[in-house]
N, C-alpha and C. Protein backbone atom coordinates (compact mmCIF):
# COMPACT_ATOMS: atom_id res chain seq x y z
N MET A 1 16.16 23.73 52.65
CA MET A 1 15.91 22.57 53.48
C MET A 1 17.12 21.65 53.43
N GLY A 2 17.54 21.12 54.57
CA GLY A 2 18.73 20.29 54.64
C GLY A 2 18.44 18.81 54.50
N LYS A 3 19.47 18.01 54.69
CA LYS A 3 19.36 16.55 54.62
C LYS A 3 19.50 15.98 56.01
N LEU A 4 18.79 14.89 56.28
CA LEU A 4 18.92 14.17 57.54
C LEU A 4 20.02 13.14 57.41
N LEU A 5 20.81 12.98 58.43
CA LEU A 5 21.85 11.95 58.43
C LEU A 5 21.33 10.75 59.20
N TRP A 6 21.19 9.62 58.52
CA TRP A 6 20.71 8.39 59.14
C TRP A 6 21.84 7.39 59.23
N LYS A 7 21.67 6.40 60.11
CA LYS A 7 22.66 5.33 60.19
C LYS A 7 22.58 4.51 58.90
N PRO A 8 23.66 3.81 58.53
CA PRO A 8 23.62 2.99 57.32
C PRO A 8 22.49 1.97 57.37
N GLY A 9 21.82 1.79 56.26
CA GLY A 9 20.70 0.86 56.21
C GLY A 9 20.28 0.58 54.78
N THR A 10 19.14 -0.04 54.65
CA THR A 10 18.64 -0.42 53.32
C THR A 10 17.72 0.67 52.79
N MET A 11 18.23 1.49 51.90
CA MET A 11 17.43 2.60 51.35
C MET A 11 17.47 2.64 49.83
N ILE A 12 17.84 1.55 49.19
CA ILE A 12 17.81 1.52 47.73
C ILE A 12 16.41 1.06 47.33
N TYR A 13 15.56 2.01 47.05
CA TYR A 13 14.16 1.74 46.72
C TYR A 13 13.76 2.51 45.47
N PRO A 14 12.69 2.14 44.77
CA PRO A 14 11.85 0.97 45.00
C PRO A 14 12.52 -0.31 44.52
N LEU A 15 11.98 -1.42 45.01
CA LEU A 15 12.44 -2.75 44.64
C LEU A 15 11.25 -3.56 44.14
N PRO A 16 11.50 -4.58 43.35
CA PRO A 16 10.36 -5.43 42.99
C PRO A 16 9.93 -6.23 44.20
N ALA A 17 8.64 -6.42 44.38
CA ALA A 17 8.12 -7.34 45.39
C ALA A 17 7.79 -8.61 44.63
N VAL A 18 8.55 -9.67 44.87
CA VAL A 18 8.37 -10.91 44.12
C VAL A 18 7.97 -12.04 45.05
N MET A 19 7.30 -13.02 44.48
CA MET A 19 7.04 -14.26 45.21
C MET A 19 7.99 -15.30 44.65
N VAL A 20 8.79 -15.89 45.52
CA VAL A 20 9.74 -16.91 45.13
C VAL A 20 9.13 -18.27 45.50
N SER A 21 8.95 -19.11 44.50
CA SER A 21 8.41 -20.44 44.76
C SER A 21 9.55 -21.44 44.78
N CYS A 22 9.40 -22.45 45.63
CA CYS A 22 10.46 -23.44 45.79
C CYS A 22 9.86 -24.78 46.19
N GLY A 23 10.68 -25.82 46.11
CA GLY A 23 10.26 -27.16 46.51
C GLY A 23 10.30 -28.13 45.36
N ALA A 24 10.71 -29.37 45.66
CA ALA A 24 10.87 -30.39 44.64
C ALA A 24 9.64 -31.29 44.50
N SER A 25 8.70 -31.19 45.43
CA SER A 25 7.49 -32.00 45.37
C SER A 25 6.33 -31.18 45.92
N GLU A 26 5.10 -31.60 45.63
CA GLU A 26 3.92 -30.86 46.09
C GLU A 26 3.90 -30.72 47.61
N GLU A 27 4.39 -31.73 48.32
CA GLU A 27 4.42 -31.68 49.79
C GLU A 27 5.40 -30.61 50.28
N GLU A 28 6.40 -30.32 49.48
CA GLU A 28 7.46 -29.39 49.88
C GLU A 28 7.24 -27.98 49.31
N TYR A 29 6.35 -27.82 48.33
CA TYR A 29 6.16 -26.53 47.68
C TYR A 29 5.92 -25.42 48.70
N ASN A 30 6.55 -24.28 48.45
CA ASN A 30 6.37 -23.12 49.33
C ASN A 30 6.57 -21.84 48.53
N ILE A 31 6.10 -20.75 49.10
CA ILE A 31 6.26 -19.42 48.50
C ILE A 31 6.80 -18.48 49.57
N ILE A 32 7.83 -17.74 49.22
CA ILE A 32 8.37 -16.72 50.12
C ILE A 32 8.35 -15.38 49.38
N THR A 33 7.91 -14.35 50.05
CA THR A 33 7.93 -13.01 49.45
C THR A 33 9.30 -12.39 49.71
N VAL A 34 9.89 -11.83 48.64
CA VAL A 34 11.24 -11.29 48.71
C VAL A 34 11.28 -9.94 48.00
N SER A 35 11.99 -8.99 48.58
CA SER A 35 12.30 -7.76 47.87
C SER A 35 13.80 -7.60 47.67
N TRP A 36 14.59 -8.36 48.41
CA TRP A 36 16.04 -8.31 48.22
C TRP A 36 16.36 -9.22 47.04
N THR A 37 16.19 -8.67 45.84
CA THR A 37 16.39 -9.43 44.60
C THR A 37 16.80 -8.49 43.48
N GLY A 38 17.46 -9.03 42.47
CA GLY A 38 17.85 -8.19 41.34
C GLY A 38 18.72 -8.92 40.35
N THR A 39 19.04 -8.22 39.28
CA THR A 39 19.89 -8.71 38.20
C THR A 39 21.34 -8.44 38.56
N ILE A 40 22.24 -9.39 38.26
CA ILE A 40 23.65 -9.15 38.54
C ILE A 40 24.57 -9.40 37.35
N CYS A 41 24.05 -10.02 36.28
CA CYS A 41 24.89 -10.27 35.10
C CYS A 41 24.00 -10.51 33.89
N THR A 42 24.48 -10.07 32.72
CA THR A 42 23.73 -10.27 31.48
C THR A 42 24.07 -11.59 30.81
N GLU A 43 25.36 -11.91 30.70
CA GLU A 43 25.78 -13.13 30.02
C GLU A 43 26.84 -13.84 30.83
N PRO A 44 26.56 -14.97 31.45
CA PRO A 44 25.25 -15.62 31.46
C PRO A 44 24.26 -14.81 32.29
N PRO A 45 22.96 -14.97 32.01
CA PRO A 45 21.98 -14.22 32.79
C PRO A 45 21.98 -14.71 34.24
N MET A 46 22.25 -13.77 35.15
CA MET A 46 22.35 -14.11 36.57
C MET A 46 21.52 -13.14 37.39
N CYS A 47 20.99 -13.65 38.50
CA CYS A 47 20.23 -12.82 39.42
C CYS A 47 20.51 -13.32 40.83
N TYR A 48 19.86 -12.71 41.81
CA TYR A 48 20.04 -13.15 43.18
C TYR A 48 18.74 -12.94 43.97
N ILE A 49 18.64 -13.69 45.04
CA ILE A 49 17.68 -13.38 46.10
C ILE A 49 18.47 -13.48 47.40
N SER A 50 18.11 -12.67 48.39
CA SER A 50 18.72 -12.77 49.71
C SER A 50 17.64 -13.16 50.70
N VAL A 51 17.94 -14.20 51.50
CA VAL A 51 16.95 -14.78 52.41
C VAL A 51 17.59 -14.99 53.78
N ARG A 52 16.82 -14.74 54.82
CA ARG A 52 17.29 -15.03 56.18
C ARG A 52 17.33 -16.56 56.38
N PRO A 53 18.38 -17.10 56.98
CA PRO A 53 18.48 -18.55 57.18
C PRO A 53 17.35 -19.14 58.01
N GLU A 54 16.72 -18.34 58.88
CA GLU A 54 15.64 -18.88 59.71
C GLU A 54 14.31 -19.02 58.98
N ARG A 55 14.23 -18.48 57.77
CA ARG A 55 12.99 -18.61 56.99
C ARG A 55 12.81 -20.05 56.51
N HIS A 56 11.58 -20.51 56.49
CA HIS A 56 11.26 -21.89 56.10
C HIS A 56 11.78 -22.22 54.70
N SER A 57 11.64 -21.27 53.77
CA SER A 57 12.07 -21.50 52.38
C SER A 57 13.58 -21.64 52.23
N TYR A 58 14.33 -21.05 53.16
CA TYR A 58 15.79 -21.08 53.05
C TYR A 58 16.31 -22.52 52.91
N GLY A 59 15.87 -23.40 53.81
CA GLY A 59 16.32 -24.78 53.79
C GLY A 59 15.88 -25.52 52.53
N ILE A 60 14.69 -25.20 52.05
CA ILE A 60 14.18 -25.85 50.82
C ILE A 60 15.04 -25.44 49.62
N ILE A 61 15.33 -24.15 49.52
CA ILE A 61 16.15 -23.67 48.39
C ILE A 61 17.56 -24.22 48.49
N LYS A 62 18.13 -24.22 49.69
CA LYS A 62 19.50 -24.71 49.86
C LYS A 62 19.60 -26.20 49.53
N LYS A 63 18.59 -26.97 49.88
CA LYS A 63 18.59 -28.41 49.60
C LYS A 63 18.46 -28.69 48.11
N ASN A 64 17.54 -28.01 47.44
CA ASN A 64 17.25 -28.29 46.03
C ASN A 64 18.08 -27.46 45.06
N MET A 65 18.66 -26.36 45.53
CA MET A 65 19.53 -25.49 44.74
C MET A 65 18.83 -24.92 43.50
N ASP A 66 17.52 -24.65 43.63
CA ASP A 66 16.81 -23.92 42.59
C ASP A 66 15.57 -23.25 43.18
N PHE A 67 15.00 -22.33 42.41
CA PHE A 67 13.79 -21.62 42.81
C PHE A 67 13.25 -20.91 41.58
N VAL A 68 12.05 -20.31 41.72
CA VAL A 68 11.46 -19.53 40.63
C VAL A 68 11.09 -18.16 41.19
N ILE A 69 11.55 -17.11 40.52
CA ILE A 69 11.13 -15.75 40.85
C ILE A 69 9.87 -15.47 40.04
N ASN A 70 8.77 -15.18 40.74
CA ASN A 70 7.50 -14.88 40.10
C ASN A 70 7.20 -13.40 40.31
N LEU A 71 7.19 -12.63 39.22
CA LEU A 71 6.89 -11.21 39.34
C LEU A 71 5.45 -11.03 39.77
N THR A 72 5.20 -10.00 40.54
CA THR A 72 3.87 -9.79 41.11
C THR A 72 3.20 -8.57 40.50
N THR A 73 1.91 -8.47 40.75
CA THR A 73 1.09 -7.39 40.21
C THR A 73 0.23 -6.81 41.33
N GLU A 74 -0.42 -5.71 41.02
CA GLU A 74 -1.34 -5.11 42.00
C GLU A 74 -2.44 -6.10 42.38
N LYS A 75 -2.90 -6.90 41.42
CA LYS A 75 -3.93 -7.92 41.71
C LYS A 75 -3.40 -8.99 42.66
N LEU A 76 -2.10 -9.22 42.65
CA LEU A 76 -1.49 -10.24 43.50
C LEU A 76 -0.95 -9.66 44.81
N ALA A 77 -1.25 -8.39 45.09
CA ALA A 77 -0.69 -7.73 46.28
C ALA A 77 -1.07 -8.45 47.57
N ARG A 78 -2.32 -8.83 47.71
CA ARG A 78 -2.76 -9.49 48.94
C ARG A 78 -2.03 -10.83 49.14
N ALA A 79 -1.95 -11.63 48.07
CA ALA A 79 -1.25 -12.92 48.15
C ALA A 79 0.24 -12.71 48.44
N THR A 80 0.82 -11.70 47.81
CA THR A 80 2.24 -11.39 48.02
C THR A 80 2.49 -11.04 49.47
N ASP A 81 1.66 -10.19 50.03
CA ASP A 81 1.81 -9.79 51.43
C ASP A 81 1.57 -10.99 52.36
N TRP A 82 0.53 -11.77 52.08
CA TRP A 82 0.19 -12.92 52.93
C TRP A 82 1.35 -13.91 52.99
N CYS A 83 1.96 -14.16 51.83
CA CYS A 83 3.09 -15.10 51.79
C CYS A 83 4.32 -14.54 52.50
N GLY A 84 4.37 -13.22 52.65
CA GLY A 84 5.50 -12.60 53.32
C GLY A 84 5.40 -12.61 54.84
N VAL A 85 4.18 -12.69 55.35
CA VAL A 85 4.01 -12.60 56.82
C VAL A 85 3.63 -13.94 57.46
N ASN A 86 3.39 -14.96 56.66
CA ASN A 86 3.04 -16.28 57.18
C ASN A 86 4.09 -17.30 56.78
N SER A 87 4.32 -18.26 57.66
CA SER A 87 5.37 -19.25 57.42
C SER A 87 4.83 -20.48 56.71
N GLY A 88 5.61 -20.97 55.77
CA GLY A 88 5.29 -22.21 55.08
C GLY A 88 5.42 -23.43 55.98
N ALA A 89 6.04 -23.25 57.15
CA ALA A 89 6.10 -24.34 58.12
C ALA A 89 4.72 -24.59 58.74
N LEU A 90 3.87 -23.56 58.69
CA LEU A 90 2.55 -23.65 59.31
C LEU A 90 1.41 -23.73 58.30
N PHE A 91 1.64 -23.25 57.08
CA PHE A 91 0.57 -23.16 56.09
C PHE A 91 1.02 -23.70 54.74
N ASN A 92 0.08 -24.25 53.99
CA ASN A 92 0.28 -24.55 52.57
C ASN A 92 -0.09 -23.25 51.85
N LYS A 93 0.90 -22.51 51.45
CA LYS A 93 0.65 -21.17 50.91
C LYS A 93 -0.09 -21.19 49.57
N PHE A 94 0.13 -22.20 48.75
CA PHE A 94 -0.63 -22.29 47.51
C PHE A 94 -2.12 -22.46 47.82
N LYS A 95 -2.42 -23.34 48.76
CA LYS A 95 -3.82 -23.60 49.10
C LYS A 95 -4.46 -22.37 49.76
N GLU A 96 -3.74 -21.74 50.68
CA GLU A 96 -4.27 -20.60 51.44
C GLU A 96 -4.53 -19.38 50.56
N THR A 97 -3.68 -19.18 49.56
CA THR A 97 -3.82 -17.98 48.71
C THR A 97 -4.62 -18.25 47.43
N GLY A 98 -4.84 -19.51 47.12
CA GLY A 98 -5.54 -19.85 45.87
C GLY A 98 -4.66 -19.75 44.64
N LEU A 99 -3.34 -19.61 44.84
CA LEU A 99 -2.41 -19.56 43.71
C LEU A 99 -2.20 -20.97 43.16
N THR A 100 -1.82 -21.04 41.88
CA THR A 100 -1.72 -22.32 41.20
C THR A 100 -0.28 -22.69 40.90
N PRO A 101 0.21 -23.83 41.46
CA PRO A 101 1.56 -24.28 41.10
C PRO A 101 1.54 -24.96 39.74
N VAL A 102 2.54 -24.64 38.92
CA VAL A 102 2.66 -25.22 37.57
C VAL A 102 4.08 -25.75 37.42
N ARG A 103 4.20 -26.91 36.81
CA ARG A 103 5.53 -27.52 36.61
C ARG A 103 6.42 -26.61 35.77
N ALA A 104 7.64 -26.41 36.20
CA ALA A 104 8.62 -25.64 35.44
C ALA A 104 9.22 -26.52 34.35
N THR A 105 9.98 -25.90 33.45
CA THR A 105 10.57 -26.69 32.35
C THR A 105 11.93 -27.26 32.71
N ILE A 106 12.69 -26.58 33.58
CA ILE A 106 14.03 -27.04 33.91
C ILE A 106 14.20 -27.32 35.40
N VAL A 107 13.80 -26.39 36.26
CA VAL A 107 14.00 -26.56 37.70
C VAL A 107 12.89 -27.41 38.31
N LYS A 108 13.15 -27.88 39.54
CA LYS A 108 12.17 -28.69 40.25
C LYS A 108 11.07 -27.84 40.87
N SER A 109 11.40 -26.61 41.23
CA SER A 109 10.44 -25.70 41.87
C SER A 109 9.31 -25.34 40.91
N PRO A 110 8.11 -25.09 41.45
CA PRO A 110 6.97 -24.76 40.57
C PRO A 110 6.91 -23.28 40.20
N LEU A 111 6.26 -23.00 39.08
CA LEU A 111 5.92 -21.63 38.70
C LEU A 111 4.61 -21.28 39.41
N ILE A 112 4.33 -19.99 39.54
CA ILE A 112 3.01 -19.54 39.98
C ILE A 112 2.27 -19.08 38.73
N GLU A 113 1.22 -19.81 38.37
CA GLU A 113 0.51 -19.54 37.12
C GLU A 113 0.00 -18.11 37.01
N GLU A 114 -0.46 -17.53 38.09
CA GLU A 114 -1.06 -16.19 38.07
C GLU A 114 -0.05 -15.07 37.86
N SER A 115 1.22 -15.36 37.96
CA SER A 115 2.27 -14.35 37.77
C SER A 115 2.47 -14.08 36.28
N PRO A 116 2.68 -12.81 35.87
CA PRO A 116 2.90 -12.51 34.45
C PRO A 116 4.27 -12.95 33.93
N VAL A 117 5.24 -13.10 34.83
CA VAL A 117 6.58 -13.55 34.43
C VAL A 117 7.12 -14.48 35.51
N ASN A 118 7.61 -15.64 35.07
CA ASN A 118 8.22 -16.62 35.98
C ASN A 118 9.66 -16.84 35.51
N ILE A 119 10.60 -16.73 36.43
CA ILE A 119 12.02 -16.82 36.09
C ILE A 119 12.62 -18.03 36.82
N GLU A 120 12.93 -19.07 36.04
CA GLU A 120 13.51 -20.28 36.63
C GLU A 120 14.99 -20.03 36.92
N CYS A 121 15.41 -20.35 38.13
CA CYS A 121 16.78 -20.06 38.57
C CYS A 121 17.45 -21.29 39.18
N VAL A 122 18.72 -21.48 38.84
CA VAL A 122 19.54 -22.53 39.44
C VAL A 122 20.61 -21.84 40.27
N VAL A 123 20.71 -22.23 41.53
CA VAL A 123 21.68 -21.61 42.45
C VAL A 123 23.09 -22.05 42.08
N ARG A 124 23.98 -21.08 41.90
CA ARG A 124 25.38 -21.36 41.58
C ARG A 124 26.30 -21.13 42.79
N GLU A 125 25.87 -20.26 43.71
CA GLU A 125 26.71 -19.94 44.88
C GLU A 125 25.83 -19.35 45.97
N ILE A 126 26.19 -19.64 47.23
CA ILE A 126 25.49 -19.04 48.37
C ILE A 126 26.50 -18.24 49.15
N LYS A 127 26.23 -16.95 49.31
CA LYS A 127 27.11 -16.04 50.05
C LYS A 127 26.48 -15.72 51.39
N GLU A 128 27.15 -16.04 52.47
CA GLU A 128 26.66 -15.73 53.81
C GLU A 128 27.12 -14.32 54.16
N LEU A 129 26.17 -13.38 54.19
CA LEU A 129 26.52 -11.97 54.29
C LEU A 129 26.23 -11.35 55.66
N GLY A 130 25.49 -12.00 56.50
CA GLY A 130 25.05 -11.43 57.78
C GLY A 130 23.65 -11.92 58.07
N THR A 131 22.71 -11.00 58.25
CA THR A 131 21.33 -11.42 58.52
C THR A 131 20.73 -12.20 57.36
N HIS A 132 21.20 -11.94 56.13
CA HIS A 132 20.70 -12.61 54.94
C HIS A 132 21.83 -13.35 54.22
N HIS A 133 21.46 -14.45 53.59
CA HIS A 133 22.39 -15.16 52.72
C HIS A 133 21.92 -14.95 51.29
N MET A 134 22.87 -14.67 50.41
CA MET A 134 22.54 -14.39 49.01
C MET A 134 22.68 -15.65 48.16
N PHE A 135 21.59 -15.99 47.46
CA PHE A 135 21.60 -17.09 46.51
C PHE A 135 21.90 -16.51 45.13
N ILE A 136 23.14 -16.63 44.69
CA ILE A 136 23.54 -16.15 43.38
C ILE A 136 23.17 -17.24 42.38
N SER A 137 22.37 -16.89 41.40
CA SER A 137 21.73 -17.90 40.56
C SER A 137 21.77 -17.57 39.08
N GLU A 138 21.75 -18.63 38.28
CA GLU A 138 21.68 -18.47 36.82
C GLU A 138 20.23 -18.62 36.38
N VAL A 139 19.82 -17.73 35.51
CA VAL A 139 18.48 -17.81 34.93
C VAL A 139 18.53 -18.85 33.82
N VAL A 140 17.70 -19.89 33.94
CA VAL A 140 17.75 -20.98 32.96
C VAL A 140 16.52 -21.03 32.06
N ALA A 141 15.46 -20.32 32.43
CA ALA A 141 14.26 -20.25 31.59
C ALA A 141 13.37 -19.11 32.10
N ILE A 142 12.64 -18.51 31.17
CA ILE A 142 11.68 -17.47 31.53
C ILE A 142 10.35 -17.78 30.85
N HIS A 143 9.28 -17.64 31.60
CA HIS A 143 7.93 -17.83 31.07
C HIS A 143 7.23 -16.47 31.17
N ALA A 144 6.72 -15.97 30.06
CA ALA A 144 6.06 -14.66 30.02
C ALA A 144 4.64 -14.81 29.49
N ASP A 145 3.72 -14.15 30.14
CA ASP A 145 2.31 -14.22 29.76
C ASP A 145 2.11 -13.56 28.40
N GLU A 146 1.59 -14.33 27.45
CA GLU A 146 1.44 -13.84 26.08
C GLU A 146 0.44 -12.69 25.99
N ALA A 147 -0.38 -12.49 27.00
CA ALA A 147 -1.36 -11.39 26.98
C ALA A 147 -0.68 -10.03 26.94
N TYR A 148 0.59 -9.96 27.37
CA TYR A 148 1.31 -8.68 27.42
C TYR A 148 2.34 -8.54 26.30
N TYR A 149 2.35 -9.49 25.38
CA TYR A 149 3.33 -9.46 24.30
C TYR A 149 2.68 -8.99 23.00
N GLU A 150 3.33 -8.00 22.35
CA GLU A 150 2.86 -7.51 21.05
C GLU A 150 3.72 -8.15 19.97
N SER A 151 3.17 -9.06 19.23
CA SER A 151 3.96 -9.76 18.22
C SER A 151 4.42 -8.85 17.09
N LYS A 152 3.62 -7.83 16.75
CA LYS A 152 4.00 -6.91 15.66
C LYS A 152 5.24 -6.10 16.00
N THR A 153 5.34 -5.62 17.25
CA THR A 153 6.45 -4.76 17.65
C THR A 153 7.54 -5.50 18.41
N GLY A 154 7.21 -6.68 18.94
CA GLY A 154 8.17 -7.42 19.76
C GLY A 154 8.32 -6.84 21.15
N ILE A 155 7.38 -5.99 21.55
CA ILE A 155 7.46 -5.33 22.86
C ILE A 155 6.65 -6.13 23.88
N PHE A 156 7.24 -6.35 25.04
CA PHE A 156 6.54 -6.99 26.16
C PHE A 156 6.08 -5.88 27.10
N ARG A 157 4.79 -5.68 27.21
CA ARG A 157 4.20 -4.58 27.98
C ARG A 157 3.89 -5.02 29.41
N LEU A 158 4.95 -5.27 30.17
CA LEU A 158 4.79 -5.73 31.55
C LEU A 158 4.04 -4.71 32.40
N ASN A 159 4.23 -3.42 32.11
CA ASN A 159 3.56 -2.40 32.92
C ASN A 159 2.03 -2.51 32.83
N ASP A 160 1.53 -3.07 31.73
CA ASP A 160 0.09 -3.27 31.60
C ASP A 160 -0.45 -4.28 32.62
N ALA A 161 0.43 -5.12 33.16
CA ALA A 161 0.03 -6.10 34.18
C ALA A 161 -0.10 -5.44 35.56
N GLY A 162 0.40 -4.20 35.71
CA GLY A 162 0.35 -3.52 37.00
C GLY A 162 1.35 -4.06 38.00
N PRO A 163 2.67 -4.03 37.65
CA PRO A 163 3.69 -4.58 38.55
C PRO A 163 3.66 -3.96 39.94
N LEU A 164 4.01 -4.78 40.91
CA LEU A 164 4.02 -4.37 42.31
C LEU A 164 5.44 -4.05 42.74
N CYS A 165 5.62 -2.93 43.43
CA CYS A 165 6.93 -2.53 43.96
C CYS A 165 6.86 -2.42 45.48
N TYR A 166 8.01 -2.57 46.09
CA TYR A 166 8.15 -2.43 47.54
C TYR A 166 8.98 -1.19 47.80
N LEU A 167 8.47 -0.30 48.63
CA LEU A 167 9.15 0.96 48.89
C LEU A 167 9.10 1.26 50.39
N HIS A 168 10.20 0.93 51.07
CA HIS A 168 10.37 1.24 52.49
C HIS A 168 9.17 0.79 53.34
N GLY A 169 8.84 -0.51 53.22
CA GLY A 169 7.79 -1.09 54.03
C GLY A 169 6.38 -0.99 53.47
N ARG A 170 6.24 -0.47 52.24
CA ARG A 170 4.92 -0.32 51.63
C ARG A 170 4.94 -0.81 50.19
N TYR A 171 3.77 -1.22 49.72
CA TYR A 171 3.62 -1.68 48.34
C TYR A 171 3.03 -0.56 47.48
N TYR A 172 3.51 -0.46 46.24
CA TYR A 172 3.04 0.55 45.30
C TYR A 172 2.96 -0.03 43.89
N GLY A 173 2.15 0.60 43.05
CA GLY A 173 2.16 0.29 41.62
C GLY A 173 3.32 1.03 40.98
N THR A 174 3.56 0.77 39.69
CA THR A 174 4.73 1.36 39.05
C THR A 174 4.50 2.73 38.43
N GLY A 175 3.27 3.13 38.21
CA GLY A 175 3.03 4.48 37.70
C GLY A 175 3.06 4.59 36.19
N ARG A 176 3.23 5.82 35.74
CA ARG A 176 3.10 6.11 34.31
C ARG A 176 4.44 6.05 33.58
N PHE A 177 4.37 5.87 32.28
CA PHE A 177 5.53 5.79 31.40
C PHE A 177 6.17 7.18 31.27
N LEU A 178 7.50 7.25 31.42
CA LEU A 178 8.22 8.52 31.31
C LEU A 178 9.09 8.61 30.07
N GLY A 179 9.58 7.50 29.59
CA GLY A 179 10.45 7.49 28.42
C GLY A 179 11.24 6.20 28.37
N LYS A 180 11.71 5.84 27.18
CA LYS A 180 12.52 4.62 27.05
C LYS A 180 13.97 4.94 27.38
N PHE A 181 14.77 3.90 27.58
CA PHE A 181 16.17 4.08 27.89
C PHE A 181 16.85 4.92 26.81
N GLY A 182 17.54 5.98 27.23
CA GLY A 182 18.25 6.86 26.30
C GLY A 182 17.41 7.99 25.74
N PHE A 183 16.16 8.12 26.16
CA PHE A 183 15.27 9.13 25.57
C PHE A 183 15.76 10.56 25.80
N SER A 184 16.50 10.78 26.89
CA SER A 184 16.93 12.15 27.21
C SER A 184 18.04 12.66 26.30
N VAL A 185 18.74 11.75 25.64
CA VAL A 185 19.84 12.17 24.76
C VAL A 185 19.61 11.75 23.31
N GLU A 186 18.49 11.18 23.05
CA GLU A 186 18.19 10.70 21.70
C GLU A 186 18.05 11.88 20.73
N ARG A 187 18.65 11.72 19.57
CA ARG A 187 18.55 12.76 18.55
C ARG A 187 17.23 12.63 17.84
N LYS A 188 16.65 13.76 17.55
CA LYS A 188 15.40 13.78 16.80
C LYS A 188 15.70 13.49 15.34
N LYS A 189 14.85 12.69 14.74
CA LYS A 189 15.01 12.39 13.32
C LYS A 189 14.57 13.60 12.51
N LYS A 190 15.39 13.95 11.54
CA LYS A 190 15.03 15.09 10.68
C LYS A 190 13.98 14.66 9.68
N LYS A 191 13.04 15.55 9.47
CA LYS A 191 12.01 15.28 8.47
C LYS A 191 12.60 15.48 7.08
N LYS A 192 12.23 14.58 6.19
CA LYS A 192 12.72 14.71 4.81
C LYS A 192 11.98 15.83 4.12
N ARG A 193 12.74 16.59 3.36
CA ARG A 193 12.13 17.70 2.61
C ARG A 193 11.34 17.18 1.42
N LYS A 194 10.27 17.83 1.17
CA LYS A 194 9.48 17.49 -0.01
C LYS A 194 9.88 18.47 -1.12
N PHE A 195 10.20 17.96 -2.25
CA PHE A 195 10.59 18.84 -3.39
C PHE A 195 9.46 19.00 -4.37
């Protein structure tokens, strides 16, 4: 079986489906669903979101220069989709979805309480790339739901929350565990001999 040749496009999938909250006051609060997002640097911790300038949230983020990336779950799929297809210019998305805005520790934008992980971001640069502008941002605080943290092992079990992914126009769960980073080349520990 051969390969199909397609025109250049966006085919790096799956991606996280996140809800980005923004706004400096309750009257301005909004949520935009984004999949064009990711990590770009470890130290300092940096990430990005890419947003079309015509989106209602674009102006709010550009004015306040901060936002919160709220990771989503299968339980939040309906709210995530709803926030992606409806405009904050017409709806109060927190009220319509029943999501709860919570004050962040550093940025002006609110956290979404129902999200298992909230990532506070301060915009450091805006790159105008074409249909989307990239908000290159520094991560200044992270809030993680303690229900998924194992204090004995120090492991954060985000997969137990049922993370939501976006794959070529569709939402999916993340599936089963396959192995930790480096598992394919990890050396097996030798058993000690008993004398």
